[in-house]
Amino acid sequence: MTLYEEQKKLVLARLRTLNPDVKLMSGKGDSVSVKDIIEHIENDDPVGKDMIKAQMKMLQILAGV
């Protein structure tokens, strides 16, 4: 499994613990539901890939890496 696939799996597992109707802020200032974010990630579209990058960056910050 590639690093990207591992990151995708981690981000999806984290997002699936949240209420799917909750809105999160995207990097562009828009609010997007968790359900929509998961759909973008599962479809491997550009929005989903950007969300994976943003979530991984946030996790790195939280971990102090």
PDB file of N, CA and C in Angstrom:
ATOM      1  N   MET A   1       0.853  -1.184   0.000  1.00  0.00           N
ATOM      2  CA  MET A   1       0.000   0.000   0.000  1.00  0.00           C
ATOM      3  C   MET A   1       0.896   1.244   0.000  1.00  0.00           C
ATOM      4  N   THR A   2       0.542   2.204  -0.833  1.00  0.00           N
ATOM      5  CA  THR A   2       1.342   3.427  -0.940  1.00  0.00           C
ATOM      6  C   THR A   2       1.075   4.355   0.243  1.00  0.00           C
ATOM      7  N   LEU A   3       1.956   5.335   0.399  1.00  0.00           N
ATOM      8  CA  LEU A   3       1.787   6.334   1.461  1.00  0.00           C
ATOM      9  C   LEU A   3       0.454   7.061   1.295  1.00  0.00           C
ATOM     10  N   TYR A   4       0.128   7.443   0.049  1.00  0.00           N
ATOM     11  CA  TYR A   4      -1.138   8.135  -0.203  1.00  0.00           C
ATOM     12  C   TYR A   4      -2.322   7.270   0.230  1.00  0.00           C
ATOM     13  N   GLU A   5      -2.297   5.985  -0.094  1.00  0.00           N
ATOM     14  CA  GLU A   5      -3.395   5.086   0.284  1.00  0.00           C
ATOM     15  C   GLU A   5      -3.516   4.969   1.803  1.00  0.00           C
ATOM     16  N   GLU A   6      -2.368   4.944   2.489  1.00  0.00           N
ATOM     17  CA  GLU A   6      -2.372   4.886   3.955  1.00  0.00           C
ATOM     18  C   GLU A   6      -2.955   6.170   4.540  1.00  0.00           C
ATOM     19  N   GLN A   7      -2.566   7.308   3.973  1.00  0.00           N
ATOM     20  CA  GLN A   7      -3.087   8.587   4.440  1.00  0.00           C
ATOM     21  C   GLN A   7      -4.590   8.668   4.187  1.00  0.00           C
ATOM     22  N   LYS A   8      -5.021   8.244   3.027  1.00  0.00           N
ATOM     23  CA  LYS A   8      -6.445   8.244   2.681  1.00  0.00           C
ATOM     24  C   LYS A   8      -7.232   7.386   3.676  1.00  0.00           C
ATOM     25  N   LYS A   9      -6.704   6.206   3.958  1.00  0.00           N
ATOM     26  CA  LYS A   9      -7.356   5.300   4.908  1.00  0.00           C
ATOM     27  C   LYS A   9      -7.458   5.937   6.298  1.00  0.00           C
ATOM     28  N   LEU A  10      -6.390   6.583   6.743  1.00  0.00           N
ATOM     29  CA  LEU A  10      -6.367   7.237   8.047  1.00  0.00           C
ATOM     30  C   LEU A  10      -7.375   8.385   8.110  1.00  0.00           C
ATOM     31  N   VAL A  11      -7.383   9.237   7.087  1.00  0.00           N
ATOM     32  CA  VAL A  11      -8.290  10.385   7.064  1.00  0.00           C
ATOM     33  C   VAL A  11      -9.739   9.914   7.015  1.00  0.00           C
ATOM     34  N   LEU A  12     -10.035   8.913   6.187  1.00  0.00           N
ATOM     35  CA  LEU A  12     -11.405   8.398   6.120  1.00  0.00           C
ATOM     36  C   LEU A  12     -11.843   7.814   7.461  1.00  0.00           C
ATOM     37  N   ALA A  13     -10.961   7.075   8.123  1.00  0.00           N
ATOM     38  CA  ALA A  13     -11.304   6.500   9.429  1.00  0.00           C
ATOM     39  C   ALA A  13     -11.611   7.609  10.433  1.00  0.00           C
ATOM     40  N   ARG A  14     -10.811   8.667  10.412  1.00  0.00           N
ATOM     41  CA  ARG A  14     -11.039   9.798  11.323  1.00  0.00           C
ATOM     42  C   ARG A  14     -12.358  10.490  11.017  1.00  0.00           C
ATOM     43  N   LEU A  15     -12.609  10.770   9.736  1.00  0.00           N
ATOM     44  CA  LEU A  15     -13.834  11.480   9.363  1.00  0.00           C
ATOM     45  C   LEU A  15     -15.091  10.657   9.660  1.00  0.00           C
ATOM     46  N   ARG A  16     -14.989   9.356   9.546  1.00  0.00           N
ATOM     47  CA  ARG A  16     -16.155   8.493   9.791  1.00  0.00           C
ATOM     48  C   ARG A  16     -16.551   8.440  11.263  1.00  0.00           C
ATOM     49  N   THR A  17     -15.716   8.983  12.141  1.00  0.00           N
ATOM     50  CA  THR A  17     -16.086   9.054  13.558  1.00  0.00           C
ATOM     51  C   THR A  17     -16.942  10.286  13.842  1.00  0.00           C
ATOM     52  N   LEU A  18     -17.024  11.190  12.866  1.00  0.00           N
ATOM     53  CA  LEU A  18     -17.774  12.436  13.037  1.00  0.00           C
ATOM     54  C   LEU A  18     -19.195  12.301  12.507  1.00  0.00           C
ATOM     55  N   ASN A  19     -20.060  13.169  12.988  1.00  0.00           N
ATOM     56  CA  ASN A  19     -21.428  13.248  12.480  1.00  0.00           C
ATOM     57  C   ASN A  19     -21.351  13.654  11.003  1.00  0.00           C
ATOM     58  N   PRO A  20     -21.952  12.878  10.094  1.00  0.00           N
ATOM     59  CA  PRO A  20     -21.840  13.187   8.668  1.00  0.00           C
ATOM     60  C   PRO A  20     -22.462  14.517   8.254  1.00  0.00           C
ATOM     61  N   ASP A  21     -23.334  15.059   9.085  1.00  0.00           N
ATOM     62  CA  ASP A  21     -23.986  16.326   8.751  1.00  0.00           C
ATOM     63  C   ASP A  21     -23.224  17.551   9.251  1.00  0.00           C
ATOM     64  N   VAL A  22     -22.185  17.332  10.040  1.00  0.00           N
ATOM     65  CA  VAL A  22     -21.387  18.436  10.568  1.00  0.00           C
ATOM     66  C   VAL A  22     -20.664  19.116   9.408  1.00  0.00           C
ATOM     67  N   LYS A  23     -20.594  20.420   9.467  1.00  0.00           N
ATOM     68  CA  LYS A  23     -19.902  21.193   8.430  1.00  0.00           C
ATOM     69  C   LYS A  23     -18.498  21.544   8.917  1.00  0.00           C
ATOM     70  N   LEU A  24     -17.523  21.346   8.047  1.00  0.00           N
ATOM     71  CA  LEU A  24     -16.143  21.717   8.321  1.00  0.00           C
ATOM     72  C   LEU A  24     -15.735  22.791   7.327  1.00  0.00           C
ATOM     73  N   MET A  25     -14.794  23.606   7.710  1.00  0.00           N
ATOM     74  CA  MET A  25     -14.299  24.646   6.812  1.00  0.00           C
ATOM     75  C   MET A  25     -13.262  24.041   5.870  1.00  0.00           C
ATOM     76  N   SER A  26     -13.416  24.334   4.596  1.00  0.00           N
ATOM     77  CA  SER A  26     -12.408  23.906   3.633  1.00  0.00           C
ATOM     78  C   SER A  26     -11.289  24.939   3.635  1.00  0.00           C
ATOM     79  N   GLY A  27     -10.220  24.634   2.957  1.00  0.00           N
ATOM     80  CA  GLY A  27      -9.099  25.563   2.893  1.00  0.00           C
ATOM     81  C   GLY A  27      -9.432  26.847   2.156  1.00  0.00           C
ATOM     82  N   LYS A  28     -10.544  26.845   1.432  1.00  0.00           N
ATOM     83  CA  LYS A  28     -10.933  28.012   0.648  1.00  0.00           C
ATOM     84  C   LYS A  28     -11.999  28.840   1.339  1.00  0.00           C
ATOM     85  N   GLY A  29     -12.276  28.542   2.606  1.00  0.00           N
ATOM     86  CA  GLY A  29     -13.240  29.322   3.368  1.00  0.00           C
ATOM     87  C   GLY A  29     -14.682  28.876   3.223  1.00  0.00           C
ATOM     88  N   ASP A  30     -14.915  27.814   2.469  1.00  0.00           N
ATOM     89  CA  ASP A  30     -16.268  27.279   2.324  1.00  0.00           C
ATOM     90  C   ASP A  30     -16.518  26.234   3.397  1.00  0.00           C
ATOM     91  N   SER A  31     -17.785  26.056   3.770  1.00  0.00           N
ATOM     92  CA  SER A  31     -18.105  24.974   4.693  1.00  0.00           C
ATOM     93  C   SER A  31     -18.653  23.795   3.891  1.00  0.00           C
ATOM     94  N   VAL A  32     -18.181  22.606   4.251  1.00  0.00           N
ATOM     95  CA  VAL A  32     -18.533  21.385   3.544  1.00  0.00           C
ATOM     96  C   VAL A  32     -18.901  20.336   4.578  1.00  0.00           C
ATOM     97  N   SER A  33     -19.947  19.545   4.306  1.00  0.00           N
ATOM     98  CA  SER A  33     -20.338  18.518   5.254  1.00  0.00           C
ATOM     99  C   SER A  33     -19.316  17.379   5.248  1.00  0.00           C
ATOM    100  N   VAL A  34     -19.202  16.708   6.374  1.00  0.00           N
ATOM    101  CA  VAL A  34     -18.305  15.561   6.491  1.00  0.00           C
ATOM    102  C   VAL A  34     -18.686  14.518   5.437  1.00  0.00           C
ATOM    103  N   LYS A  35     -19.969  14.320   5.244  1.00  0.00           N
ATOM    104  CA  LYS A  35     -20.441  13.356   4.240  1.00  0.00           C
ATOM    105  C   LYS A  35     -19.895  13.701   2.854  1.00  0.00           C
ATOM    106  N   ASP A  36     -19.943  14.976   2.480  1.00  0.00           N
ATOM    107  CA  ASP A  36     -19.436  15.407   1.175  1.00  0.00           C
ATOM    108  C   ASP A  36     -17.923  15.247   1.082  1.00  0.00           C
ATOM    109  N   ILE A  37     -17.227  15.537   2.167  1.00  0.00           N
ATOM    110  CA  ILE A  37     -15.766  15.384   2.178  1.00  0.00           C
ATOM    111  C   ILE A  37     -15.400  13.923   1.953  1.00  0.00           C
ATOM    112  N   ILE A  38     -16.086  13.031   2.669  1.00  0.00           N
ATOM    113  CA  ILE A  38     -15.826  11.595   2.514  1.00  0.00           C
ATOM    114  C   ILE A  38     -16.061  11.175   1.067  1.00  0.00           C
ATOM    115  N   GLU A  39     -17.129  11.672   0.472  1.00  0.00           N
ATOM    116  CA  GLU A  39     -17.438  11.334  -0.917  1.00  0.00           C
ATOM    117  C   GLU A  39     -16.331  11.806  -1.865  1.00  0.00           C
ATOM    118  N   HIS A  40     -15.846  13.017  -1.656  1.00  0.00           N
ATOM    119  CA  HIS A  40     -14.750  13.533  -2.490  1.00  0.00           C
ATOM    120  C   HIS A  40     -13.495  12.678  -2.334  1.00  0.00           C
ATOM    121  N   ILE A  41     -13.189  12.279  -1.106  1.00  0.00           N
ATOM    122  CA  ILE A  41     -11.996  11.467  -0.864  1.00  0.00           C
ATOM    123  C   ILE A  41     -12.147  10.096  -1.503  1.00  0.00           C
ATOM    124  N   GLU A  42     -13.308   9.477  -1.341  1.00  0.00           N
ATOM    125  CA  GLU A  42     -13.538   8.156  -1.933  1.00  0.00           C
ATOM    126  C   GLU A  42     -13.460   8.198  -3.454  1.00  0.00           C
ATOM    127  N   ASN A  43     -13.850   9.331  -4.056  1.00  0.00           N
ATOM    128  CA  ASN A  43     -13.809   9.482  -5.517  1.00  0.00           C
ATOM    129  C   ASN A  43     -12.430   9.871  -6.031  1.00  0.00           C
ATOM    130  N   ASP A  44     -11.492  10.116  -5.131  1.00  0.00           N
ATOM    131  CA  ASP A  44     -10.133  10.531  -5.510  1.00  0.00           C
ATOM    132  C   ASP A  44     -10.127  11.733  -6.441  1.00  0.00           C
ATOM    133  N   ASP A  45     -11.067  12.648  -6.221  1.00  0.00           N
ATOM    134  CA  ASP A  45     -11.081  13.852  -7.054  1.00  0.00           C
ATOM    135  C   ASP A  45     -10.159  14.909  -6.437  1.00  0.00           C
ATOM    136  N   PRO A  46      -9.897  16.001  -7.160  1.00  0.00           N
ATOM    137  CA  PRO A  46      -8.970  17.025  -6.649  1.00  0.00           C
ATOM    138  C   PRO A  46      -9.366  17.591  -5.284  1.00  0.00           C
ATOM    139  N   VAL A  47     -10.654  17.779  -5.051  1.00  0.00           N
ATOM    140  CA  VAL A  47     -11.105  18.284  -3.746  1.00  0.00           C
ATOM    141  C   VAL A  47     -10.752  17.275  -2.655  1.00  0.00           C
ATOM    142  N   GLY A  48     -10.999  16.000  -2.912  1.00  0.00           N
ATOM    143  CA  GLY A  48     -10.676  14.956  -1.943  1.00  0.00           C
ATOM    144  C   GLY A  48      -9.193  14.887  -1.646  1.00  0.00           C
ATOM    145  N   LYS A  49      -8.379  15.006  -2.679  1.00  0.00           N
ATOM    146  CA  LYS A  49      -6.925  14.971  -2.492  1.00  0.00           C
ATOM    147  C   LYS A  49      -6.451  16.171  -1.677  1.00  0.00           C
ATOM    148  N   ASP A  50      -7.046  17.342  -1.932  1.00  0.00           N
ATOM    149  CA  ASP A  50      -6.705  18.528  -1.142  1.00  0.00           C
ATOM    150  C   ASP A  50      -7.117  18.348   0.315  1.00  0.00           C
ATOM    151  N   MET A  51      -8.270  17.720   0.541  1.00  0.00           N
ATOM    152  CA  MET A  51      -8.735  17.493   1.913  1.00  0.00           C
ATOM    153  C   MET A  51      -7.809  16.530   2.650  1.00  0.00           C
ATOM    154  N   ILE A  52      -7.317  15.514   1.958  1.00  0.00           N
ATOM    155  CA  ILE A  52      -6.368  14.588   2.586  1.00  0.00           C
ATOM    156  C   ILE A  52      -5.115  15.348   3.006  1.00  0.00           C
ATOM    157  N   LYS A  53      -4.595  16.184   2.110  1.00  0.00           N
ATOM    158  CA  LYS A  53      -3.395  16.974   2.438  1.00  0.00           C
ATOM    159  C   LYS A  53      -3.645  17.865   3.653  1.00  0.00           C
ATOM    160  N   ALA A  54      -4.798  18.531   3.675  1.00  0.00           N
ATOM    161  CA  ALA A  54      -5.116  19.435   4.783  1.00  0.00           C
ATOM    162  C   ALA A  54      -5.257  18.665   6.091  1.00  0.00           C
ATOM    163  N   GLN A  55      -5.931  17.520   6.045  1.00  0.00           N
ATOM    164  CA  GLN A  55      -6.119  16.721   7.260  1.00  0.00           C
ATOM    165  C   GLN A  55      -4.785  16.171   7.769  1.00  0.00           C
ATOM    166  N   MET A  56      -3.920  15.750   6.848  1.00  0.00           N
ATOM    167  CA  MET A  56      -2.618  15.235   7.260  1.00  0.00           C
ATOM    168  C   MET A  56      -1.768  16.354   7.872  1.00  0.00           C
ATOM    169  N   LYS A  57      -1.845  17.540   7.303  1.00  0.00           N
ATOM    170  CA  LYS A  57      -1.109  18.679   7.863  1.00  0.00           C
ATOM    171  C   LYS A  57      -1.607  18.979   9.270  1.00  0.00           C
ATOM    172  N   MET A  58      -2.934  18.963   9.462  1.00  0.00           N
ATOM    173  CA  MET A  58      -3.499  19.212  10.773  1.00  0.00           C
ATOM    174  C   MET A  58      -3.036  18.158  11.787  1.00  0.00           C
ATOM    175  N   LEU A  59      -3.032  16.889  11.356  1.00  0.00           N
ATOM    176  CA  LEU A  59      -2.590  15.816  12.252  1.00  0.00           C
ATOM    177  C   LEU A  59      -1.117  15.974  12.621  1.00  0.00           C
ATOM    178  N   GLN A  60      -0.294  16.411  11.658  1.00  0.00           N
ATOM    179  CA  GLN A  60       1.121  16.646  11.937  1.00  0.00           C
ATOM    180  C   GLN A  60       1.299  17.760  12.955  1.00  0.00           C
ATOM    181  N   ILE A  61       0.515  18.812  12.807  1.00  0.00           N
ATOM    182  CA  ILE A  61       0.578  19.935  13.761  1.00  0.00           C
ATOM    183  C   ILE A  61       0.172  19.461  15.149  1.00  0.00           C
ATOM    184  N   LEU A  62      -0.918  18.709  15.216  1.00  0.00           N
ATOM    185  CA  LEU A  62      -1.389  18.207  16.510  1.00  0.00           C
ATOM    186  C   LEU A  62      -0.382  17.272  17.167  1.00  0.00           C
ATOM    187  N   ALA A  63       0.327  16.509  16.331  1.00  0.00           N
ATOM    188  CA  ALA A  63       1.319  15.562  16.847  1.00  0.00           C
ATOM    189  C   ALA A  63       2.647  16.248  17.166  1.00  0.00           C
ATOM    190  N   GLY A  64       2.796  17.511  16.765  1.00  0.00           N
ATOM    191  CA  GLY A  64       4.036  18.234  17.023  1.00  0.00           C
ATOM    192  C   GLY A  64       5.178  17.803  16.133  1.00  0.00           C
ATOM    193  N   VAL A  65       4.842  17.307  14.952  1.00  0.00           N
ATOM    194  CA  VAL A  65       5.866  16.831  14.002  1.00  0.00           C
ATOM    195  C   VAL A  65       6.332  17.956  13.134  1.00  0.00           C
TER     196      VAL A  65
END
